[in-house]
Amino acid sequence: MFAASFFVTKNWFDTNNKQAIIVFGSILIFIYLHFAFYIFLARSIFIKKKKANMKEVQTKSQEAVLTWLQLLIAGFIVIWISFFLNIVDDAVPYITGPIMYSVAVYFLSYKAFELRITELDGAVFKEGDQSMLFHKLSSLITDHKLYLEPDLSLKRLSKLVGKSPQHISESINQYAKRNFNDFINYHRVQDAKKMLVDTHTQNLTISSIAFDCGFNSLSSFNTAFKKFEETTPSSYRKDRSS
């Protein structure tokens, strides 16, 4: 099209030239429909892939990529509509297109920086060592109730699974969406909730329950419990017992 434009003469711009109107009109329609087709195709693929991954636990990186793609498609739709309105409705100033384009580009650039999307690619959706490591860690921590050990640490888990503490920490951050301490304390709190309302453990003090669930102190137990349940252990027991 660019090469063909060199052969356009002044006469082509005559408003009475029907041939020019047909040619340039066809080119405009092709450009806009071409763009619309790829937006529709991208959206269809995105929805299909998102549904396929909904059954699996998503990592932070996977969520970031999906969020970015959703915003990107939305940005393209805004740009397409703003420019398309320029050619179908004279009431919309031409400057609307460039303005909306600029706003969309600046917004997407900001979100790309916020999501750190330049550091990610489609490889984050591939089943890899991190995923298998997390499943192994989850089995050890939850099935074998390692979280009940007060001295459980990344170093101890590192020896058990044969991976470095850094790899273990990254795996938990990505798949559990919590840091190591919060991941362990969350499971401890879940056990504590059961003991607080169980009729067989009503005679136990909150301190005893805290230590039985792996906490080193009552204060750390109260802090963790309030963080996950937004209430204190004593209030939780009182509300469930009444």
C-alpha atoms as a PDB file:
ATOM      1  CA  MET A   1       0.000   0.000   0.000  1.00  0.00           C
ATOM      2  CA  PHE A   2       2.874   2.319   0.817  1.00  0.00           C
ATOM      3  CA  ALA A   3       4.528   1.630  -2.548  1.00  0.00           C
ATOM      4  CA  ALA A   4       1.235   2.115  -4.389  1.00  0.00           C
ATOM      5  CA  SER A   5       0.755   5.516  -2.744  1.00  0.00           C
ATOM      6  CA  PHE A   6       3.636   6.925  -4.875  1.00  0.00           C
ATOM      7  CA  PHE A   7       1.537   6.415  -7.979  1.00  0.00           C
ATOM      8  CA  VAL A   8      -1.399   8.430  -6.618  1.00  0.00           C
ATOM      9  CA  THR A   9      -1.837  11.643  -8.570  1.00  0.00           C
ATOM     10  CA  LYS A  10      -3.477  14.889  -7.542  1.00  0.00           C
ATOM     11  CA  ASN A  11      -6.580  13.995  -9.513  1.00  0.00           C
ATOM     12  CA  TRP A  12      -7.236  11.108  -7.137  1.00  0.00           C
ATOM     13  CA  PHE A  13      -8.085  13.578  -4.410  1.00  0.00           C
ATOM     14  CA  ASP A  14     -10.873  15.087  -6.453  1.00  0.00           C
ATOM     15  CA  THR A  15     -14.063  14.567  -4.398  1.00  0.00           C
ATOM     16  CA  ASN A  16     -15.934  13.644  -7.566  1.00  0.00           C
ATOM     17  CA  ASN A  17     -13.537  10.813  -8.336  1.00  0.00           C
ATOM     18  CA  LYS A  18     -15.613   7.716  -7.526  1.00  0.00           C
ATOM     19  CA  GLN A  19     -12.697   5.407  -8.256  1.00  0.00           C
ATOM     20  CA  ALA A  20     -10.581   7.123  -5.607  1.00  0.00           C
ATOM     21  CA  ILE A  21     -13.406   6.894  -3.066  1.00  0.00           C
ATOM     22  CA  ILE A  22     -13.848   3.185  -3.737  1.00  0.00           C
ATOM     23  CA  VAL A  23     -10.105   2.447  -3.504  1.00  0.00           C
ATOM     24  CA  PHE A  24      -9.396   4.465  -0.372  1.00  0.00           C
ATOM     25  CA  GLY A  25     -12.657   3.360   1.227  1.00  0.00           C
ATOM     26  CA  SER A  26     -11.782  -0.278   0.597  1.00  0.00           C
ATOM     27  CA  ILE A  27      -8.316   0.220   2.063  1.00  0.00           C
ATOM     28  CA  LEU A  28      -9.749   1.835   5.215  1.00  0.00           C
ATOM     29  CA  ILE A  29     -12.335  -0.918   5.647  1.00  0.00           C
ATOM     30  CA  PHE A  30      -9.675  -3.588   5.158  1.00  0.00           C
ATOM     31  CA  ILE A  31      -7.374  -1.975   7.750  1.00  0.00           C
ATOM     32  CA  TYR A  32     -10.084  -1.660  10.401  1.00  0.00           C
ATOM     33  CA  LEU A  33     -11.556  -5.106   9.771  1.00  0.00           C
ATOM     34  CA  HIS A  34      -8.080  -6.618   9.782  1.00  0.00           C
ATOM     35  CA  PHE A  35      -7.377  -5.034  13.187  1.00  0.00           C
ATOM     36  CA  ALA A  36     -10.816  -6.068  14.499  1.00  0.00           C
ATOM     37  CA  PHE A  37     -10.280  -9.659  13.345  1.00  0.00           C
ATOM     38  CA  TYR A  38      -7.036  -9.997  15.268  1.00  0.00           C
ATOM     39  CA  ILE A  39      -8.535  -8.395  18.384  1.00  0.00           C
ATOM     40  CA  PHE A  40     -11.408 -10.904  18.219  1.00  0.00           C
ATOM     41  CA  LEU A  41      -8.998 -13.787  17.602  1.00  0.00           C
ATOM     42  CA  ALA A  42      -6.743 -12.732  20.494  1.00  0.00           C
ATOM     43  CA  ARG A  43      -9.727 -12.419  22.836  1.00  0.00           C
ATOM     44  CA  SER A  44     -11.036 -15.856  21.825  1.00  0.00           C
ATOM     45  CA  ILE A  45      -7.655 -17.493  22.437  1.00  0.00           C
ATOM     46  CA  PHE A  46      -7.282 -15.649  25.750  1.00  0.00           C
ATOM     47  CA  ILE A  47     -10.695 -16.788  27.039  1.00  0.00           C
ATOM     48  CA  LYS A  48     -10.002 -20.375  25.961  1.00  0.00           C
ATOM     49  CA  LYS A  49      -6.602 -20.484  27.672  1.00  0.00           C
ATOM     50  CA  LYS A  50      -7.907 -18.792  30.805  1.00  0.00           C
ATOM     51  CA  LYS A  51     -10.690 -21.367  31.167  1.00  0.00           C
ATOM     52  CA  ALA A  52      -8.176 -24.161  30.649  1.00  0.00           C
ATOM     53  CA  ASN A  53      -6.005 -22.839  33.483  1.00  0.00           C
ATOM     54  CA  MET A  54      -8.845 -22.100  35.913  1.00  0.00           C
ATOM     55  CA  LYS A  55      -8.783 -25.698  37.190  1.00  0.00           C
ATOM     56  CA  GLU A  56      -5.167 -25.355  38.292  1.00  0.00           C
ATOM     57  CA  VAL A  57      -3.598 -23.284  41.041  1.00  0.00           C
ATOM     58  CA  GLN A  58      -2.182 -20.183  39.404  1.00  0.00           C
ATOM     59  CA  THR A  59       1.102 -18.647  40.400  1.00  0.00           C
ATOM     60  CA  LYS A  60       1.666 -14.920  40.848  1.00  0.00           C
ATOM     61  CA  SER A  61       3.488 -14.841  37.509  1.00  0.00           C
ATOM     62  CA  GLN A  62       0.641 -16.593  35.711  1.00  0.00           C
ATOM     63  CA  GLU A  63      -1.910 -14.194  37.212  1.00  0.00           C
ATOM     64  CA  ALA A  64       0.242 -11.239  36.138  1.00  0.00           C
ATOM     65  CA  VAL A  65       0.409 -12.491  32.534  1.00  0.00           C
ATOM     66  CA  LEU A  66      -3.348 -13.125  32.373  1.00  0.00           C
ATOM     67  CA  THR A  67      -4.101  -9.691  33.849  1.00  0.00           C
ATOM     68  CA  TRP A  68      -1.737  -8.039  31.383  1.00  0.00           C
ATOM     69  CA  LEU A  69      -3.251  -9.808  28.361  1.00  0.00           C
ATOM     70  CA  GLN A  70      -6.753  -8.863  29.473  1.00  0.00           C
ATOM     71  CA  LEU A  71      -5.748  -5.211  29.802  1.00  0.00           C
ATOM     72  CA  LEU A  72      -3.916  -5.305  26.478  1.00  0.00           C
ATOM     73  CA  ILE A  73      -6.961  -6.610  24.614  1.00  0.00           C
ATOM     74  CA  ALA A  74      -9.178  -4.028  26.330  1.00  0.00           C
ATOM     75  CA  GLY A  75      -6.723  -1.301  25.309  1.00  0.00           C
ATOM     76  CA  PHE A  76      -6.820  -2.433  21.673  1.00  0.00           C
ATOM     77  CA  ILE A  77     -10.617  -2.395  21.719  1.00  0.00           C
ATOM     78  CA  VAL A  78     -10.646   1.182  23.045  1.00  0.00           C
ATOM     79  CA  ILE A  79      -8.174   2.275  20.367  1.00  0.00           C
ATOM     80  CA  TRP A  80     -10.143   0.539  17.601  1.00  0.00           C
ATOM     81  CA  ILE A  81     -13.464   2.092  18.649  1.00  0.00           C
ATOM     82  CA  SER A  82     -12.030   5.605  19.005  1.00  0.00           C
ATOM     83  CA  PHE A  83     -10.468   5.548  15.509  1.00  0.00           C
ATOM     84  CA  PHE A  84     -13.394   3.753  13.896  1.00  0.00           C
ATOM     85  CA  LEU A  85     -15.819   6.416  15.141  1.00  0.00           C
ATOM     86  CA  ASN A  86     -13.748   9.019  13.265  1.00  0.00           C
ATOM     87  CA  ILE A  87     -14.709   7.558   9.903  1.00  0.00           C
ATOM     88  CA  VAL A  88     -18.364   6.689  10.594  1.00  0.00           C
ATOM     89  CA  ASP A  89     -19.445   9.747  12.543  1.00  0.00           C
ATOM     90  CA  ASP A  90     -18.308  13.272  11.734  1.00  0.00           C
ATOM     91  CA  ALA A  91     -19.520  14.401  15.144  1.00  0.00           C
ATOM     92  CA  VAL A  92     -16.482  12.723  16.718  1.00  0.00           C
ATOM     93  CA  PRO A  93     -13.365  14.877  16.217  1.00  0.00           C
ATOM     94  CA  TYR A  94     -10.377  13.152  14.635  1.00  0.00           C
ATOM     95  CA  ILE A  95      -8.219  14.158  17.611  1.00  0.00           C
ATOM     96  CA  THR A  96     -10.258  11.736  19.762  1.00  0.00           C
ATOM     97  CA  GLY A  97      -8.443   8.770  18.190  1.00  0.00           C
ATOM     98  CA  PRO A  98      -4.885   9.942  18.922  1.00  0.00           C
ATOM     99  CA  ILE A  99      -5.863  11.055  22.441  1.00  0.00           C
ATOM    100  CA  MET A 100      -7.420   7.693  23.325  1.00  0.00           C
ATOM    101  CA  TYR A 101      -4.449   5.927  21.732  1.00  0.00           C
ATOM    102  CA  SER A 102      -2.039   7.931  23.913  1.00  0.00           C
ATOM    103  CA  VAL A 103      -4.067   7.318  27.069  1.00  0.00           C
ATOM    104  CA  ALA A 104      -4.243   3.569  26.355  1.00  0.00           C
ATOM    105  CA  VAL A 105      -0.512   3.313  25.630  1.00  0.00           C
ATOM    106  CA  TYR A 106       0.498   5.255  28.754  1.00  0.00           C
ATOM    107  CA  PHE A 107      -1.886   3.193  30.913  1.00  0.00           C
ATOM    108  CA  LEU A 108      -0.639  -0.109  29.487  1.00  0.00           C
ATOM    109  CA  SER A 109       2.966   1.012  29.954  1.00  0.00           C
ATOM    110  CA  TYR A 110       2.245   1.793  33.607  1.00  0.00           C
ATOM    111  CA  LYS A 111       0.556  -1.597  34.155  1.00  0.00           C
ATOM    112  CA  ALA A 112       3.428  -3.390  32.415  1.00  0.00           C
ATOM    113  CA  PHE A 113       5.828  -1.750  34.871  1.00  0.00           C
ATOM    114  CA  GLU A 114       3.560  -2.471  37.843  1.00  0.00           C
ATOM    115  CA  LEU A 115       3.086  -6.141  36.906  1.00  0.00           C
ATOM    116  CA  ARG A 116       6.772  -6.464  35.904  1.00  0.00           C
ATOM    117  CA  ILE A 117       5.509  -8.064  32.739  1.00  0.00           C
ATOM    118  CA  THR A 118       8.755  -7.555  30.811  1.00  0.00           C
ATOM    119  CA  GLU A 119      10.348 -10.185  33.065  1.00  0.00           C
ATOM    120  CA  LEU A 120       7.723 -12.817  32.193  1.00  0.00           C
ATOM    121  CA  ASP A 121       6.655 -14.841  29.165  1.00  0.00           C
ATOM    122  CA  GLY A 122       4.519 -17.827  28.246  1.00  0.00           C
ATOM    123  CA  ALA A 123       6.984 -20.185  29.931  1.00  0.00           C
ATOM    124  CA  VAL A 124       5.319 -19.436  33.273  1.00  0.00           C
ATOM    125  CA  PHE A 125       2.414 -21.682  32.193  1.00  0.00           C
ATOM    126  CA  LYS A 126       4.616 -24.696  31.593  1.00  0.00           C
ATOM    127  CA  GLU A 127       4.652 -27.405  34.242  1.00  0.00           C
ATOM    128  CA  GLY A 128       8.153 -27.240  35.663  1.00  0.00           C
ATOM    129  CA  ASP A 129      10.329 -27.954  38.657  1.00  0.00           C
ATOM    130  CA  GLN A 130       8.701 -25.227  40.748  1.00  0.00           C
ATOM    131  CA  SER A 131       5.247 -26.765  40.421  1.00  0.00           C
ATOM    132  CA  MET A 132       6.450 -30.265  41.288  1.00  0.00           C
ATOM    133  CA  LEU A 133       8.463 -28.871  44.177  1.00  0.00           C
ATOM    134  CA  PHE A 134       5.419 -27.094  45.599  1.00  0.00           C
ATOM    135  CA  HIS A 135       3.276 -30.242  45.408  1.00  0.00           C
ATOM    136  CA  LYS A 136       6.009 -32.132  47.232  1.00  0.00           C
ATOM    137  CA  LEU A 137       6.274 -29.416  49.880  1.00  0.00           C
ATOM    138  CA  SER A 138       2.498 -29.282  50.341  1.00  0.00           C
ATOM    139  CA  SER A 139       2.398 -33.022  50.863  1.00  0.00           C
ATOM    140  CA  LEU A 140       5.155 -32.897  53.463  1.00  0.00           C
ATOM    141  CA  ILE A 141       3.808 -29.873  55.315  1.00  0.00           C
ATOM    142  CA  THR A 142       0.086 -30.684  55.305  1.00  0.00           C
ATOM    143  CA  ASP A 143      -0.181 -34.488  55.024  1.00  0.00           C
ATOM    144  CA  HIS A 144       2.628 -35.133  57.489  1.00  0.00           C
ATOM    145  CA  LYS A 145       1.726 -32.041  59.540  1.00  0.00           C
ATOM    146  CA  LEU A 146       5.243 -30.682  59.669  1.00  0.00           C
ATOM    147  CA  TYR A 147       3.735 -27.273  60.440  1.00  0.00           C
ATOM    148  CA  LEU A 148       3.155 -28.497  64.006  1.00  0.00           C
ATOM    149  CA  GLU A 149       6.912 -28.431  64.571  1.00  0.00           C
ATOM    150  CA  PRO A 150       7.787 -25.134  66.312  1.00  0.00           C
ATOM    151  CA  ASP A 151      11.288 -25.100  64.830  1.00  0.00           C
ATOM    152  CA  LEU A 152      10.247 -25.827  61.231  1.00  0.00           C
ATOM    153  CA  SER A 153      12.406 -23.747  58.906  1.00  0.00           C
ATOM    154  CA  LEU A 154      13.394 -23.378  55.280  1.00  0.00           C
ATOM    155  CA  LYS A 155      16.699 -25.008  56.126  1.00  0.00           C
ATOM    156  CA  ARG A 156      14.977 -28.121  57.493  1.00  0.00           C
ATOM    157  CA  LEU A 157      12.688 -28.368  54.461  1.00  0.00           C
ATOM    158  CA  SER A 158      15.727 -27.891  52.253  1.00  0.00           C
ATOM    159  CA  LYS A 159      17.296 -31.036  53.694  1.00  0.00           C
ATOM    160  CA  LEU A 160      14.079 -33.012  53.346  1.00  0.00           C
ATOM    161  CA  VAL A 161      13.431 -32.243  49.655  1.00  0.00           C
ATOM    162  CA  GLY A 162      17.011 -31.713  48.500  1.00  0.00           C
ATOM    163  CA  LYS A 163      16.446 -28.173  47.235  1.00  0.00           C
ATOM    164  CA  SER A 164      17.953 -24.877  48.311  1.00  0.00           C
ATOM    165  CA  PRO A 165      16.034 -22.669  50.800  1.00  0.00           C
ATOM    166  CA  GLN A 166      15.756 -20.031  48.056  1.00  0.00           C
ATOM    167  CA  HIS A 167      14.016 -22.470  45.671  1.00  0.00           C
ATOM    168  CA  ILE A 168      11.619 -23.542  48.405  1.00  0.00           C
ATOM    169  CA  SER A 169      10.798 -19.945  49.285  1.00  0.00           C
ATOM    170  CA  GLU A 170      10.196 -19.019  45.625  1.00  0.00           C
ATOM    171  CA  SER A 171       7.956 -22.032  45.096  1.00  0.00           C
ATOM    172  CA  ILE A 172       5.782 -21.199  48.122  1.00  0.00           C
ATOM    173  CA  ASN A 173       5.588 -17.530  47.134  1.00  0.00           C
ATOM    174  CA  GLN A 174       4.477 -18.379  43.610  1.00  0.00           C
ATOM    175  CA  TYR A 175       1.943 -21.113  44.309  1.00  0.00           C
ATOM    176  CA  ALA A 176       0.697 -20.418  47.844  1.00  0.00           C
ATOM    177  CA  LYS A 177       0.829 -16.642  47.243  1.00  0.00           C
ATOM    178  CA  ARG A 178       2.230 -16.272  50.756  1.00  0.00           C
ATOM    179  CA  ASN A 179       5.684 -16.162  52.229  1.00  0.00           C
ATOM    180  CA  PHE A 180       7.027 -19.178  54.105  1.00  0.00           C
ATOM    181  CA  ASN A 181       6.028 -17.984  57.597  1.00  0.00           C
ATOM    182  CA  ASP A 182       2.484 -17.088  56.555  1.00  0.00           C
ATOM    183  CA  PHE A 183       2.111 -20.401  54.723  1.00  0.00           C
ATOM    184  CA  ILE A 184       3.078 -22.377  57.839  1.00  0.00           C
ATOM    185  CA  ASN A 185       1.110 -20.180  60.232  1.00  0.00           C
ATOM    186  CA  TYR A 186      -2.001 -20.447  58.066  1.00  0.00           C
ATOM    187  CA  HIS A 187      -2.096 -24.224  58.514  1.00  0.00           C
ATOM    188  CA  ARG A 188      -1.401 -23.866  62.228  1.00  0.00           C
ATOM    189  CA  VAL A 189      -4.324 -21.462  62.573  1.00  0.00           C
ATOM    190  CA  GLN A 190      -6.637 -23.884  60.764  1.00  0.00           C
ATOM    191  CA  ASP A 191      -5.800 -26.571  63.327  1.00  0.00           C
ATOM    192  CA  ALA A 192      -6.201 -24.072  66.158  1.00  0.00           C
ATOM    193  CA  LYS A 193      -9.688 -23.111  64.929  1.00  0.00           C
ATOM    194  CA  LYS A 194     -10.809 -26.735  65.197  1.00  0.00           C
ATOM    195  CA  MET A 195      -9.378 -27.094  68.697  1.00  0.00           C
ATOM    196  CA  LEU A 196     -10.966 -23.860  69.894  1.00  0.00           C
ATOM    197  CA  VAL A 197     -14.475 -25.123  69.157  1.00  0.00           C
ATOM    198  CA  ASP A 198     -13.994 -28.850  69.727  1.00  0.00           C
ATOM    199  CA  THR A 199     -15.857 -30.065  72.816  1.00  0.00           C
ATOM    200  CA  HIS A 200     -12.981 -32.425  73.623  1.00  0.00           C
ATOM    201  CA  THR A 201     -10.508 -29.542  73.919  1.00  0.00           C
ATOM    202  CA  GLN A 202     -12.719 -26.998  75.689  1.00  0.00           C
ATOM    203  CA  ASN A 203     -10.716 -27.474  78.866  1.00  0.00           C
ATOM    204  CA  LEU A 204      -7.482 -26.438  77.134  1.00  0.00           C
ATOM    205  CA  THR A 205      -6.325 -22.860  77.499  1.00  0.00           C
ATOM    206  CA  ILE A 206      -5.608 -20.724  74.450  1.00  0.00           C
ATOM    207  CA  SER A 207      -1.915 -20.844  75.323  1.00  0.00           C
ATOM    208  CA  SER A 208      -1.949 -24.646  75.311  1.00  0.00           C
ATOM    209  CA  ILE A 209      -3.680 -24.721  71.943  1.00  0.00           C
ATOM    210  CA  ALA A 210      -1.156 -22.228  70.556  1.00  0.00           C
ATOM    211  CA  PHE A 211       1.803 -24.384  71.598  1.00  0.00           C
ATOM    212  CA  ASP A 212       0.113 -27.607  70.455  1.00  0.00           C
ATOM    213  CA  CYS A 213      -0.340 -26.063  66.997  1.00  0.00           C
ATOM    214  CA  GLY A 214       3.336 -25.200  66.633  1.00  0.00           C
ATOM    215  CA  PHE A 215       3.517 -21.575  67.784  1.00  0.00           C
ATOM    216  CA  ASN A 216       6.444 -20.532  69.951  1.00  0.00           C
ATOM    217  CA  SER A 217       4.515 -17.902  71.883  1.00  0.00           C
ATOM    218  CA  LEU A 218       1.000 -16.740  72.637  1.00  0.00           C
ATOM    219  CA  SER A 219       1.666 -13.330  71.081  1.00  0.00           C
ATOM    220  CA  SER A 220       2.745 -14.817  67.745  1.00  0.00           C
ATOM    221  CA  PHE A 221      -0.356 -17.031  67.799  1.00  0.00           C
ATOM    222  CA  ASN A 222      -2.657 -14.069  68.450  1.00  0.00           C
ATOM    223  CA  THR A 223      -0.986 -12.053  65.687  1.00  0.00           C
ATOM    224  CA  ALA A 224      -1.252 -14.864  63.125  1.00  0.00           C
ATOM    225  CA  PHE A 225      -4.820 -15.735  64.107  1.00  0.00           C
ATOM    226  CA  LYS A 226      -6.005 -12.139  63.778  1.00  0.00           C
ATOM    227  CA  LYS A 227      -4.221 -11.801  60.442  1.00  0.00           C
ATOM    228  CA  PHE A 228      -6.079 -14.726  58.872  1.00  0.00           C
ATOM    229  CA  GLU A 229      -9.391 -14.612  60.755  1.00  0.00           C
ATOM    230  CA  GLU A 230      -9.645 -10.886  61.568  1.00  0.00           C
ATOM    231  CA  THR A 231     -10.492 -11.697  65.188  1.00  0.00           C
ATOM    232  CA  THR A 232      -8.716 -12.946  68.299  1.00  0.00           C
ATOM    233  CA  PRO A 233      -8.666 -16.621  69.363  1.00  0.00           C
ATOM    234  CA  SER A 234     -10.649 -15.846  72.517  1.00  0.00           C
ATOM    235  CA  SER A 235     -13.342 -14.001  70.553  1.00  0.00           C
ATOM    236  CA  TYR A 236     -13.457 -16.798  67.996  1.00  0.00           C
ATOM    237  CA  ARG A 237     -13.990 -19.410  70.723  1.00  0.00           C
ATOM    238  CA  LYS A 238     -16.588 -17.290  72.471  1.00  0.00           C
ATOM    239  CA  ASP A 239     -18.590 -16.617  69.286  1.00  0.00           C
ATOM    240  CA  ARG A 240     -18.576 -20.284  68.226  1.00  0.00           C
ATOM    241  CA  SER A 241     -19.431 -21.559  71.695  1.00  0.00           C
ATOM    242  CA  SER A 242     -22.425 -19.277  72.241  1.00  0.00           C
END
